[in-house]
């Protein structure tokens, strides 16, 4: 199990106290695009998935946004396999 897979498993078990850098690291590993035009939110997207995930950068990230990100990761993995 790779480091990113372990991090995803920890996110699923406890969606509290995550930072935007953790999400960006996983996104980079899985090929998920992210953008921030200098505002207070990051937008994560993947080609073929209609639902973009917009996450505020405030620390810590609220669990609802971590769950939305995990749903995007699941959709991404389904398209990749």
C-alpha atoms as a PDB file:
ATOM      1  CA  UNK A   1       0.000   0.000   0.000  1.00  0.00           C
ATOM      2  CA  UNK A   2       1.511   3.317  -1.066  1.00  0.00           C
ATOM      3  CA  UNK A   3       1.744   6.445   1.068  1.00  0.00           C
ATOM      4  CA  UNK A   4      -1.101   8.113  -0.799  1.00  0.00           C
ATOM      5  CA  UNK A   5      -3.344   5.073  -0.414  1.00  0.00           C
ATOM      6  CA  UNK A   6      -2.635   5.068   3.320  1.00  0.00           C
ATOM      7  CA  UNK A   7      -3.465   8.771   3.480  1.00  0.00           C
ATOM      8  CA  UNK A   8      -6.748   8.153   1.628  1.00  0.00           C
ATOM      9  CA  UNK A   9      -7.607   5.361   4.086  1.00  0.00           C
ATOM     10  CA  UNK A  10      -6.920   7.695   7.024  1.00  0.00           C
ATOM     11  CA  UNK A  11      -9.095  10.377   5.395  1.00  0.00           C
ATOM     12  CA  UNK A  12     -11.958   7.909   5.041  1.00  0.00           C
ATOM     13  CA  UNK A  13     -11.654   6.854   8.690  1.00  0.00           C
ATOM     14  CA  UNK A  14     -11.258  10.367  10.069  1.00  0.00           C
ATOM     15  CA  UNK A  15     -12.149  13.344   7.806  1.00  0.00           C
ATOM     16  CA  UNK A  16     -11.081  15.863  10.472  1.00  0.00           C
ATOM     17  CA  UNK A  17      -7.941  18.061  10.537  1.00  0.00           C
ATOM     18  CA  UNK A  18      -6.726  17.790   6.940  1.00  0.00           C
ATOM     19  CA  UNK A  19      -4.880  20.526   5.064  1.00  0.00           C
ATOM     20  CA  UNK A  20      -5.252  21.641   1.470  1.00  0.00           C
ATOM     21  CA  UNK A  21      -1.667  20.519   0.797  1.00  0.00           C
ATOM     22  CA  UNK A  22      -2.674  16.936   1.660  1.00  0.00           C
ATOM     23  CA  UNK A  23      -5.494  17.057  -0.877  1.00  0.00           C
ATOM     24  CA  UNK A  24      -3.260  18.616  -3.529  1.00  0.00           C
ATOM     25  CA  UNK A  25      -0.656  15.887  -2.978  1.00  0.00           C
ATOM     26  CA  UNK A  26      -3.232  13.147  -3.544  1.00  0.00           C
ATOM     27  CA  UNK A  27      -4.677  15.008  -6.534  1.00  0.00           C
ATOM     28  CA  UNK A  28      -1.250  15.265  -8.152  1.00  0.00           C
ATOM     29  CA  UNK A  29      -0.633  11.559  -7.607  1.00  0.00           C
ATOM     30  CA  UNK A  30      -3.964  10.560  -9.187  1.00  0.00           C
ATOM     31  CA  UNK A  31      -3.900  13.049 -12.062  1.00  0.00           C
ATOM     32  CA  UNK A  32      -6.705  15.197 -10.684  1.00  0.00           C
ATOM     33  CA  UNK A  33      -6.423  18.805 -11.840  1.00  0.00           C
ATOM     34  CA  UNK A  34      -6.610  21.600  -9.296  1.00  0.00           C
ATOM     35  CA  UNK A  35      -6.619  25.338  -9.683  1.00  0.00           C
ATOM     36  CA  UNK A  36      -6.611  28.448  -7.543  1.00  0.00           C
ATOM     37  CA  UNK A  37      -6.783  31.838  -9.203  1.00  0.00           C
ATOM     38  CA  UNK A  38      -5.567  33.620  -6.084  1.00  0.00           C
ATOM     39  CA  UNK A  39      -8.827  33.303  -4.194  1.00  0.00           C
ATOM     40  CA  UNK A  40      -9.717  31.526  -1.001  1.00  0.00           C
ATOM     41  CA  UNK A  41     -10.844  28.288  -2.694  1.00  0.00           C
ATOM     42  CA  UNK A  42      -9.226  25.480  -4.659  1.00  0.00           C
ATOM     43  CA  UNK A  43     -11.187  23.702  -7.381  1.00  0.00           C
ATOM     44  CA  UNK A  44     -10.460  20.031  -8.080  1.00  0.00           C
ATOM     45  CA  UNK A  45     -11.605  18.455 -11.344  1.00  0.00           C
ATOM     46  CA  UNK A  46     -10.974  15.447 -13.536  1.00  0.00           C
ATOM     47  CA  UNK A  47     -11.754  14.997 -17.251  1.00  0.00           C
ATOM     48  CA  UNK A  48     -14.860  12.846 -17.665  1.00  0.00           C
ATOM     49  CA  UNK A  49     -16.226  13.682 -14.203  1.00  0.00           C
ATOM     50  CA  UNK A  50     -18.883  16.396 -14.338  1.00  0.00           C
ATOM     51  CA  UNK A  51     -18.754  17.357 -10.667  1.00  0.00           C
ATOM     52  CA  UNK A  52     -15.958  19.775  -9.777  1.00  0.00           C
ATOM     53  CA  UNK A  53     -15.161  20.028  -6.074  1.00  0.00           C
ATOM     54  CA  UNK A  54     -14.635  23.529  -4.690  1.00  0.00           C
ATOM     55  CA  UNK A  55     -12.863  23.542  -1.302  1.00  0.00           C
ATOM     56  CA  UNK A  56     -12.139  26.564   0.885  1.00  0.00           C
ATOM     57  CA  UNK A  57      -8.534  26.827   1.995  1.00  0.00           C
ATOM     58  CA  UNK A  58      -9.375  27.616   5.626  1.00  0.00           C
ATOM     59  CA  UNK A  59      -7.635  25.355   8.144  1.00  0.00           C
ATOM     60  CA  UNK A  60      -8.655  22.773   9.065  1.00  0.00           C
ATOM     61  CA  UNK A  61     -10.812  21.710   6.125  1.00  0.00           C
ATOM     62  CA  UNK A  62     -14.325  20.784   7.225  1.00  0.00           C
ATOM     63  CA  UNK A  63     -15.202  17.075   6.978  1.00  0.00           C
ATOM     64  CA  UNK A  64     -17.932  17.688   4.397  1.00  0.00           C
ATOM     65  CA  UNK A  65     -15.327  18.979   1.925  1.00  0.00           C
ATOM     66  CA  UNK A  66     -13.012  16.040   2.604  1.00  0.00           C
ATOM     67  CA  UNK A  67     -15.908  13.677   1.842  1.00  0.00           C
ATOM     68  CA  UNK A  68     -16.631  15.522  -1.421  1.00  0.00           C
ATOM     69  CA  UNK A  69     -12.969  15.198  -2.375  1.00  0.00           C
ATOM     70  CA  UNK A  70     -13.031  11.468  -1.566  1.00  0.00           C
ATOM     71  CA  UNK A  71     -16.106  11.059  -3.786  1.00  0.00           C
ATOM     72  CA  UNK A  72     -14.179  12.720  -6.630  1.00  0.00           C
ATOM     73  CA  UNK A  73     -11.247  10.369  -6.003  1.00  0.00           C
ATOM     74  CA  UNK A  74     -13.594   7.360  -6.184  1.00  0.00           C
ATOM     75  CA  UNK A  75     -15.086   8.576  -9.481  1.00  0.00           C
ATOM     76  CA  UNK A  76     -11.585   9.165 -10.829  1.00  0.00           C
ATOM     77  CA  UNK A  77     -10.435   5.672  -9.901  1.00  0.00           C
ATOM     78  CA  UNK A  78     -13.556   4.168 -11.522  1.00  0.00           C
ATOM     79  CA  UNK A  79     -12.738   5.937 -14.802  1.00  0.00           C
ATOM     80  CA  UNK A  80      -9.083   4.911 -14.666  1.00  0.00           C
ATOM     81  CA  UNK A  81      -9.816   1.208 -14.256  1.00  0.00           C
END
